[in-house]
Amino acid sequence: MCCRLPVLLLPGDHVPARFIAIDDHGLETMAKDEDGWCAAIDPLHLRCSIYQDRPAICRQFAMGGRACLDIRARYRDQRQRGIPLTLD
């Protein structure tokens, strides 16, 4: 789920250009795919395809840490609630 969060690129990051997007404020961010996942995710193996060159923010995000667990819980809650259906 952390790979669905916005990732701002910092000056020391060396991400391949194909994975860089420019946000509404003109800042470089990690690009997203059509489903909202980080474009660097390898869809067959569900892992980072640029792990050795991943952004500093990704390096600092502790897998299994408080922020990670909170995001996973919110994602799980959203999936369990589903999408409300309204019929006309």
PDB file of N, CA and C in Angstrom:
ATOM      1  N   MET A   1       0.808  -1.189   0.000  1.00  0.00           N
ATOM      2  CA  MET A   1       0.000   0.000   0.000  1.00  0.00           C
ATOM      3  C   MET A   1       0.857   1.262   0.000  1.00  0.00           C
ATOM      4  N   CYS A   2       2.045   1.195   0.589  1.00  0.00           N
ATOM      5  CA  CYS A   2       2.880   2.400   0.595  1.00  0.00           C
ATOM      6  C   CYS A   2       3.249   2.803  -0.825  1.00  0.00           C
ATOM      7  N   CYS A   3       3.233   1.872  -1.739  1.00  0.00           N
ATOM      8  CA  CYS A   3       3.581   2.178  -3.134  1.00  0.00           C
ATOM      9  C   CYS A   3       2.432   2.848  -3.875  1.00  0.00           C
ATOM     10  N   ARG A   4       1.390   3.206  -3.151  1.00  0.00           N
ATOM     11  CA  ARG A   4       0.289   3.975  -3.727  1.00  0.00           C
ATOM     12  C   ARG A   4       0.311   5.418  -3.220  1.00  0.00           C
ATOM     13  N   LEU A   5       1.207   5.720  -2.302  1.00  0.00           N
ATOM     14  CA  LEU A   5       1.305   7.069  -1.758  1.00  0.00           C
ATOM     15  C   LEU A   5       2.106   7.969  -2.692  1.00  0.00           C
ATOM     16  N   PRO A   6       1.846   9.281  -2.660  1.00  0.00           N
ATOM     17  CA  PRO A   6       2.673  10.201  -3.454  1.00  0.00           C
ATOM     18  C   PRO A   6       4.110  10.199  -2.927  1.00  0.00           C
ATOM     19  N   VAL A   7       5.069  10.169  -3.828  1.00  0.00           N
ATOM     20  CA  VAL A   7       6.484  10.180  -3.447  1.00  0.00           C
ATOM     21  C   VAL A   7       7.160  11.360  -4.133  1.00  0.00           C
ATOM     22  N   LEU A   8       7.540  12.335  -3.335  1.00  0.00           N
ATOM     23  CA  LEU A   8       8.261  13.502  -3.829  1.00  0.00           C
ATOM     24  C   LEU A   8       9.734  13.136  -3.974  1.00  0.00           C
ATOM     25  N   LEU A   9      10.304  13.430  -5.133  1.00  0.00           N
ATOM     26  CA  LEU A   9      11.716  13.132  -5.351  1.00  0.00           C
ATOM     27  C   LEU A   9      12.579  14.257  -4.793  1.00  0.00           C
ATOM     28  N   LEU A  10      13.662  13.885  -4.147  1.00  0.00           N
ATOM     29  CA  LEU A  10      14.588  14.833  -3.538  1.00  0.00           C
ATOM     30  C   LEU A  10      15.815  15.001  -4.431  1.00  0.00           C
ATOM     31  N   PRO A  11      16.585  16.078  -4.238  1.00  0.00           N
ATOM     32  CA  PRO A  11      17.735  16.348  -5.113  1.00  0.00           C
ATOM     33  C   PRO A  11      18.733  15.196  -5.258  1.00  0.00           C
ATOM     34  N   GLY A  12      18.939  14.382  -4.254  1.00  0.00           N
ATOM     35  CA  GLY A  12      19.906  13.285  -4.344  1.00  0.00           C
ATOM     36  C   GLY A  12      19.372  12.011  -4.962  1.00  0.00           C
ATOM     37  N   ASP A  13      18.084  11.971  -5.283  1.00  0.00           N
ATOM     38  CA  ASP A  13      17.491  10.764  -5.861  1.00  0.00           C
ATOM     39  C   ASP A  13      17.940  10.589  -7.311  1.00  0.00           C
ATOM     40  N   HIS A  14      18.184   9.347  -7.704  1.00  0.00           N
ATOM     41  CA  HIS A  14      18.626   9.035  -9.070  1.00  0.00           C
ATOM     42  C   HIS A  14      17.679   8.012  -9.684  1.00  0.00           C
ATOM     43  N   VAL A  15      16.445   8.439  -9.890  1.00  0.00           N
ATOM     44  CA  VAL A  15      15.398   7.585 -10.442  1.00  0.00           C
ATOM     45  C   VAL A  15      15.437   7.681 -11.967  1.00  0.00           C
ATOM     46  N   PRO A  16      15.306   6.560 -12.680  1.00  0.00           N
ATOM     47  CA  PRO A  16      15.255   6.629 -14.140  1.00  0.00           C
ATOM     48  C   PRO A  16      14.133   7.566 -14.614  1.00  0.00           C
ATOM     49  N   ALA A  17      14.413   8.329 -15.652  1.00  0.00           N
ATOM     50  CA  ALA A  17      13.489   9.361 -16.137  1.00  0.00           C
ATOM     51  C   ALA A  17      12.097   8.819 -16.450  1.00  0.00           C
ATOM     52  N   ARG A  18      11.992   7.582 -16.908  1.00  0.00           N
ATOM     53  CA  ARG A  18      10.675   7.032 -17.271  1.00  0.00           C
ATOM     54  C   ARG A  18       9.743   6.881 -16.069  1.00  0.00           C
ATOM     55  N   PHE A  19      10.291   6.951 -14.863  1.00  0.00           N
ATOM     56  CA  PHE A  19       9.477   6.823 -13.655  1.00  0.00           C
ATOM     57  C   PHE A  19       9.204   8.168 -12.984  1.00  0.00           C
ATOM     58  N   ILE A  20       9.569   9.257 -13.630  1.00  0.00           N
ATOM     59  CA  ILE A  20       9.399  10.588 -13.040  1.00  0.00           C
ATOM     60  C   ILE A  20       8.210  11.301 -13.664  1.00  0.00           C
ATOM     61  N   ALA A  21       7.385  11.890 -12.809  1.00  0.00           N
ATOM     62  CA  ALA A  21       6.252  12.716 -13.239  1.00  0.00           C
ATOM     63  C   ALA A  21       6.415  14.091 -12.595  1.00  0.00           C
ATOM     64  N   ILE A  22       5.741  15.065 -13.141  1.00  0.00           N
ATOM     65  CA  ILE A  22       5.732  16.415 -12.576  1.00  0.00           C
ATOM     66  C   ILE A  22       4.337  16.667 -12.016  1.00  0.00           C
ATOM     67  N   ASP A  23       4.259  17.063 -10.745  1.00  0.00           N
ATOM     68  CA  ASP A  23       2.944  17.291 -10.132  1.00  0.00           C
ATOM     69  C   ASP A  23       2.409  18.683 -10.474  1.00  0.00           C
ATOM     70  N   ASP A  24       1.250  19.018  -9.928  1.00  0.00           N
ATOM     71  CA  ASP A  24       0.582  20.294 -10.208  1.00  0.00           C
ATOM     72  C   ASP A  24       1.383  21.505  -9.742  1.00  0.00           C
ATOM     73  N   HIS A  25       2.345  21.280  -8.855  1.00  0.00           N
ATOM     74  CA  HIS A  25       3.168  22.371  -8.330  1.00  0.00           C
ATOM     75  C   HIS A  25       4.526  22.450  -9.029  1.00  0.00           C
ATOM     76  N   GLY A  26       4.729  21.602 -10.039  1.00  0.00           N
ATOM     77  CA  GLY A  26       5.986  21.594 -10.775  1.00  0.00           C
ATOM     78  C   GLY A  26       7.086  20.782 -10.114  1.00  0.00           C
ATOM     79  N   LEU A  27       6.735  19.980  -9.110  1.00  0.00           N
ATOM     80  CA  LEU A  27       7.721  19.165  -8.395  1.00  0.00           C
ATOM     81  C   LEU A  27       7.823  17.777  -9.018  1.00  0.00           C
ATOM     82  N   GLU A  28       9.015  17.199  -8.974  1.00  0.00           N
ATOM     83  CA  GLU A  28       9.206  15.848  -9.484  1.00  0.00           C
ATOM     84  C   GLU A  28       8.703  14.835  -8.464  1.00  0.00           C
ATOM     85  N   THR A  29       7.913  13.883  -8.950  1.00  0.00           N
ATOM     86  CA  THR A  29       7.378  12.813  -8.121  1.00  0.00           C
ATOM     87  C   THR A  29       7.553  11.496  -8.858  1.00  0.00           C
ATOM     88  N   MET A  30       7.358  10.407  -8.145  1.00  0.00           N
ATOM     89  CA  MET A  30       7.336   9.108  -8.810  1.00  0.00           C
ATOM     90  C   MET A  30       6.051   9.024  -9.624  1.00  0.00           C
ATOM     91  N   ALA A  31       6.162   8.550 -10.852  1.00  0.00           N
ATOM     92  CA  ALA A  31       4.997   8.382 -11.720  1.00  0.00           C
ATOM     93  C   ALA A  31       4.121   7.251 -11.188  1.00  0.00           C
ATOM     94  N   LYS A  32       2.837   7.308 -11.527  1.00  0.00           N
ATOM     95  CA  LYS A  32       1.868   6.274 -11.137  1.00  0.00           C
ATOM     96  C   LYS A  32       1.377   5.555 -12.385  1.00  0.00           C
ATOM     97  N   ASP A  33       0.974   4.301 -12.235  1.00  0.00           N
ATOM     98  CA  ASP A  33       0.355   3.604 -13.356  1.00  0.00           C
ATOM     99  C   ASP A  33      -1.136   3.917 -13.373  1.00  0.00           C
ATOM    100  N   GLU A  34      -1.863   3.323 -14.298  1.00  0.00           N
ATOM    101  CA  GLU A  34      -3.291   3.633 -14.445  1.00  0.00           C
ATOM    102  C   GLU A  34      -4.131   3.219 -13.240  1.00  0.00           C
ATOM    103  N   ASP A  35      -3.608   2.326 -12.402  1.00  0.00           N
ATOM    104  CA  ASP A  35      -4.330   1.893 -11.204  1.00  0.00           C
ATOM    105  C   ASP A  35      -3.916   2.657  -9.953  1.00  0.00           C
ATOM    106  N   GLY A  36      -3.000   3.610 -10.092  1.00  0.00           N
ATOM    107  CA  GLY A  36      -2.572   4.411  -8.953  1.00  0.00           C
ATOM    108  C   GLY A  36      -1.357   3.876  -8.213  1.00  0.00           C
ATOM    109  N   TRP A  37      -0.778   2.782  -8.696  1.00  0.00           N
ATOM    110  CA  TRP A  37       0.423   2.226  -8.077  1.00  0.00           C
ATOM    111  C   TRP A  37       1.654   2.921  -8.627  1.00  0.00           C
ATOM    112  N   CYS A  38       2.718   2.930  -7.872  1.00  0.00           N
ATOM    113  CA  CYS A  38       3.995   3.468  -8.337  1.00  0.00           C
ATOM    114  C   CYS A  38       4.371   2.763  -9.642  1.00  0.00           C
ATOM    115  N   ALA A  39       4.795   3.541 -10.627  1.00  0.00           N
ATOM    116  CA  ALA A  39       5.142   2.986 -11.940  1.00  0.00           C
ATOM    117  C   ALA A  39       6.361   2.069 -11.883  1.00  0.00           C
ATOM    118  N   ALA A  40       7.129   2.127 -10.809  1.00  0.00           N
ATOM    119  CA  ALA A  40       8.320   1.283 -10.692  1.00  0.00           C
ATOM    120  C   ALA A  40       8.011  -0.110 -10.143  1.00  0.00           C
ATOM    121  N   ILE A  41       6.766  -0.360  -9.775  1.00  0.00           N
ATOM    122  CA  ILE A  41       6.402  -1.684  -9.262  1.00  0.00           C
ATOM    123  C   ILE A  41       6.406  -2.694 -10.403  1.00  0.00           C
ATOM    124  N   ASP A  42       7.078  -3.809 -10.188  1.00  0.00           N
ATOM    125  CA  ASP A  42       7.063  -4.920 -11.139  1.00  0.00           C
ATOM    126  C   ASP A  42       5.756  -5.673 -10.896  1.00  0.00           C
ATOM    127  N   PRO A  43       4.790  -5.606 -11.827  1.00  0.00           N
ATOM    128  CA  PRO A  43       3.474  -6.197 -11.579  1.00  0.00           C
ATOM    129  C   PRO A  43       3.481  -7.720 -11.475  1.00  0.00           C
ATOM    130  N   LEU A  44       4.459  -8.381 -12.055  1.00  0.00           N
ATOM    131  CA  LEU A  44       4.511  -9.840 -11.975  1.00  0.00           C
ATOM    132  C   LEU A  44       4.996 -10.334 -10.623  1.00  0.00           C
ATOM    133  N   HIS A  45       5.904  -9.587 -10.013  1.00  0.00           N
ATOM    134  CA  HIS A  45       6.489 -10.018  -8.744  1.00  0.00           C
ATOM    135  C   HIS A  45       6.091  -9.131  -7.563  1.00  0.00           C
ATOM    136  N   LEU A  46       5.356  -8.045  -7.849  1.00  0.00           N
ATOM    137  CA  LEU A  46       4.909  -7.097  -6.822  1.00  0.00           C
ATOM    138  C   LEU A  46       6.062  -6.613  -5.945  1.00  0.00           C
ATOM    139  N   ARG A  47       7.108  -6.177  -6.611  1.00  0.00           N
ATOM    140  CA  ARG A  47       8.242  -5.604  -5.884  1.00  0.00           C
ATOM    141  C   ARG A  47       8.797  -4.438  -6.695  1.00  0.00           C
ATOM    142  N   CYS A  48       9.621  -3.650  -6.061  1.00  0.00           N
ATOM    143  CA  CYS A  48      10.185  -2.464  -6.696  1.00  0.00           C
ATOM    144  C   CYS A  48      11.217  -2.864  -7.751  1.00  0.00           C
ATOM    145  N   SER A  49      11.002  -2.384  -8.971  1.00  0.00           N
ATOM    146  CA  SER A  49      11.925  -2.719 -10.057  1.00  0.00           C
ATOM    147  C   SER A  49      13.199  -1.868 -10.023  1.00  0.00           C
ATOM    148  N   ILE A  50      13.202  -0.829  -9.189  1.00  0.00           N
ATOM    149  CA  ILE A  50      14.394   0.031  -9.059  1.00  0.00           C
ATOM    150  C   ILE A  50      14.858   0.075  -7.599  1.00  0.00           C
ATOM    151  N   TYR A  51      14.729  -1.045  -6.916  1.00  0.00           N
ATOM    152  CA  TYR A  51      15.002  -1.098  -5.482  1.00  0.00           C
ATOM    153  C   TYR A  51      16.345  -0.473  -5.120  1.00  0.00           C
ATOM    154  N   GLN A  52      17.395  -0.770  -5.860  1.00  0.00           N
ATOM    155  CA  GLN A  52      18.722  -0.223  -5.550  1.00  0.00           C
ATOM    156  C   GLN A  52      18.782   1.288  -5.752  1.00  0.00           C
ATOM    157  N   ASP A  53      17.911   1.817  -6.614  1.00  0.00           N
ATOM    158  CA  ASP A  53      17.895   3.253  -6.917  1.00  0.00           C
ATOM    159  C   ASP A  53      16.616   3.935  -6.439  1.00  0.00           C
ATOM    160  N   ARG A  54      15.893   3.295  -5.529  1.00  0.00           N
ATOM    161  CA  ARG A  54      14.618   3.865  -5.078  1.00  0.00           C
ATOM    162  C   ARG A  54      14.852   5.205  -4.377  1.00  0.00           C
ATOM    163  N   PRO A  55      13.836   6.075  -4.384  1.00  0.00           N
ATOM    164  CA  PRO A  55      13.968   7.398  -3.762  1.00  0.00           C
ATOM    165  C   PRO A  55      14.241   7.316  -2.257  1.00  0.00           C
ATOM    166  N   ALA A  56      14.811   8.374  -1.733  1.00  0.00           N
ATOM    167  CA  ALA A  56      15.124   8.451  -0.299  1.00  0.00           C
ATOM    168  C   ALA A  56      13.879   8.250   0.557  1.00  0.00           C
ATOM    169  N   ILE A  57      12.752   8.812   0.132  1.00  0.00           N
ATOM    170  CA  ILE A  57      11.518   8.658   0.910  1.00  0.00           C
ATOM    171  C   ILE A  57      11.150   7.185   1.029  1.00  0.00           C
ATOM    172  N   CYS A  58      11.307   6.428  -0.043  1.00  0.00           N
ATOM    173  CA  CYS A  58      11.013   4.992  -0.007  1.00  0.00           C
ATOM    174  C   CYS A  58      11.996   4.263   0.914  1.00  0.00           C
ATOM    175  N   ARG A  59      13.238   4.704   0.920  1.00  0.00           N
ATOM    176  CA  ARG A  59      14.249   4.083   1.789  1.00  0.00           C
ATOM    177  C   ARG A  59      13.933   4.319   3.269  1.00  0.00           C
ATOM    178  N   GLN A  60      13.354   5.476   3.572  1.00  0.00           N
ATOM    179  CA  GLN A  60      13.060   5.838   4.961  1.00  0.00           C
ATOM    180  C   GLN A  60      11.758   5.233   5.466  1.00  0.00           C
ATOM    181  N   PHE A  61      10.899   4.789   4.561  1.00  0.00           N
ATOM    182  CA  PHE A  61       9.607   4.239   4.962  1.00  0.00           C
ATOM    183  C   PHE A  61       9.826   2.828   5.486  1.00  0.00           C
ATOM    184  N   ALA A  62       9.698   2.651   6.790  1.00  0.00           N
ATOM    185  CA  ALA A  62      10.001   1.371   7.428  1.00  0.00           C
ATOM    186  C   ALA A  62       8.880   0.360   7.208  1.00  0.00           C
ATOM    187  N   MET A  63       9.178  -0.700   6.470  1.00  0.00           N
ATOM    188  CA  MET A  63       8.219  -1.779   6.256  1.00  0.00           C
ATOM    189  C   MET A  63       7.858  -2.382   7.610  1.00  0.00           C
ATOM    190  N   GLY A  64       6.583  -2.425   7.921  1.00  0.00           N
ATOM    191  CA  GLY A  64       6.132  -2.950   9.198  1.00  0.00           C
ATOM    192  C   GLY A  64       6.163  -1.929  10.315  1.00  0.00           C
ATOM    193  N   GLY A  65       6.595  -0.701  10.005  1.00  0.00           N
ATOM    194  CA  GLY A  65       6.604   0.374  10.994  1.00  0.00           C
ATOM    195  C   GLY A  65       5.205   0.931  11.215  1.00  0.00           C
ATOM    196  N   ARG A  66       5.065   1.860  12.127  1.00  0.00           N
ATOM    197  CA  ARG A  66       3.770   2.440  12.475  1.00  0.00           C
ATOM    198  C   ARG A  66       3.054   3.006  11.251  1.00  0.00           C
ATOM    199  N   ALA A  67       3.746   3.810  10.434  1.00  0.00           N
ATOM    200  CA  ALA A  67       3.116   4.407   9.244  1.00  0.00           C
ATOM    201  C   ALA A  67       2.660   3.322   8.274  1.00  0.00           C
ATOM    202  N   CYS A  68       3.474   2.311   8.080  1.00  0.00           N
ATOM    203  CA  CYS A  68       3.136   1.204   7.184  1.00  0.00           C
ATOM    204  C   CYS A  68       1.882   0.478   7.675  1.00  0.00           C
ATOM    205  N   LEU A  69       1.851   0.164   8.945  1.00  0.00           N
ATOM    206  CA  LEU A  69       0.707  -0.553   9.506  1.00  0.00           C
ATOM    207  C   LEU A  69      -0.566   0.283   9.443  1.00  0.00           C
ATOM    208  N   ASP A  70      -0.456   1.595   9.687  1.00  0.00           N
ATOM    209  CA  ASP A  70      -1.623   2.481   9.597  1.00  0.00           C
ATOM    210  C   ASP A  70      -2.177   2.515   8.178  1.00  0.00           C
ATOM    211  N   ILE A  71      -1.298   2.627   7.198  1.00  0.00           N
ATOM    212  CA  ILE A  71      -1.735   2.674   5.802  1.00  0.00           C
ATOM    213  C   ILE A  71      -2.383   1.356   5.405  1.00  0.00           C
ATOM    214  N   ARG A  72      -1.796   0.246   5.815  1.00  0.00           N
ATOM    215  CA  ARG A  72      -2.379  -1.065   5.502  1.00  0.00           C
ATOM    216  C   ARG A  72      -3.763  -1.213   6.137  1.00  0.00           C
ATOM    217  N   ALA A  73      -3.926  -0.740   7.361  1.00  0.00           N
ATOM    218  CA  ALA A  73      -5.223  -0.835   8.043  1.00  0.00           C
ATOM    219  C   ALA A  73      -6.277   0.001   7.320  1.00  0.00           C
ATOM    220  N   ARG A  74      -5.912   1.223   6.916  1.00  0.00           N
ATOM    221  CA  ARG A  74      -6.864   2.069   6.180  1.00  0.00           C
ATOM    222  C   ARG A  74      -7.254   1.421   4.856  1.00  0.00           C
ATOM    223  N   TYR A  75      -6.277   0.863   4.161  1.00  0.00           N
ATOM    224  CA  TYR A  75      -6.536   0.205   2.882  1.00  0.00           C
ATOM    225  C   TYR A  75      -7.468  -0.991   3.081  1.00  0.00           C
ATOM    226  N   ARG A  76      -7.194  -1.795   4.104  1.00  0.00           N
ATOM    227  CA  ARG A  76      -8.019  -2.964   4.402  1.00  0.00           C
ATOM    228  C   ARG A  76      -9.449  -2.536   4.733  1.00  0.00           C
ATOM    229  N   ASP A  77      -9.603  -1.465   5.530  1.00  0.00           N
ATOM    230  CA  ASP A  77     -10.936  -0.966   5.879  1.00  0.00           C
ATOM    231  C   ASP A  77     -11.697  -0.507   4.640  1.00  0.00           C
ATOM    232  N   GLN A  78     -11.020   0.186   3.741  1.00  0.00           N
ATOM    233  CA  GLN A  78     -11.671   0.648   2.510  1.00  0.00           C
ATOM    234  C   GLN A  78     -12.119  -0.537   1.667  1.00  0.00           C
ATOM    235  N   ARG A  79     -11.287  -1.554   1.568  1.00  0.00           N
ATOM    236  CA  ARG A  79     -11.626  -2.737   0.766  1.00  0.00           C
ATOM    237  C   ARG A  79     -12.816  -3.473   1.369  1.00  0.00           C
ATOM    238  N   GLN A  80     -12.893  -3.530   2.701  1.00  0.00           N
ATOM    239  CA  GLN A  80     -13.989  -4.234   3.352  1.00  0.00           C
ATOM    240  C   GLN A  80     -15.309  -3.494   3.193  1.00  0.00           C
ATOM    241  N   ARG A  81     -15.244  -2.150   3.197  1.00  0.00           N
ATOM    242  CA  ARG A  81     -16.463  -1.354   3.027  1.00  0.00           C
ATOM    243  C   ARG A  81     -16.979  -1.432   1.604  1.00  0.00           C
ATOM    244  N   GLY A  82     -16.081  -1.556   0.663  1.00  0.00           N
ATOM    245  CA  GLY A  82     -16.467  -1.610  -0.742  1.00  0.00           C
ATOM    246  C   GLY A  82     -16.883  -0.249  -1.259  1.00  0.00           C
ATOM    247  N   ILE A  83     -17.465  -0.257  -2.418  1.00  0.00           N
ATOM    248  CA  ILE A  83     -17.925   0.971  -3.057  1.00  0.00           C
ATOM    249  C   ILE A  83     -19.440   1.007  -2.971  1.00  0.00           C
ATOM    250  N   PRO A  84     -20.007   2.111  -2.444  1.00  0.00           N
ATOM    251  CA  PRO A  84     -21.461   2.183  -2.343  1.00  0.00           C
ATOM    252  C   PRO A  84     -22.099   2.149  -3.730  1.00  0.00           C
ATOM    253  N   LEU A  85     -23.177   1.419  -3.847  1.00  0.00           N
ATOM    254  CA  LEU A  85     -23.898   1.291  -5.109  1.00  0.00           C
ATOM    255  C   LEU A  85     -25.226   2.012  -4.998  1.00  0.00           C
ATOM    256  N   THR A  86     -25.493   2.893  -5.934  1.00  0.00           N
ATOM    257  CA  THR A  86     -26.753   3.625  -5.958  1.00  0.00           C
ATOM    258  C   THR A  86     -27.466   3.308  -7.259  1.00  0.00           C
ATOM    259  N   LEU A  87     -28.668   2.808  -7.153  1.00  0.00           N
ATOM    260  CA  LEU A  87     -29.470   2.509  -8.338  1.00  0.00           C
ATOM    261  C   LEU A  87     -30.509   3.594  -8.534  1.00  0.00           C
ATOM    262  N   ASP A  88     -30.663   4.023  -9.765  1.00  0.00           N
ATOM    263  CA  ASP A  88     -31.678   5.045 -10.067  1.00  0.00           C
ATOM    264  C   ASP A  88     -32.996   4.407 -10.409  1.00  0.00           C
TER     265      ASP A  88
END
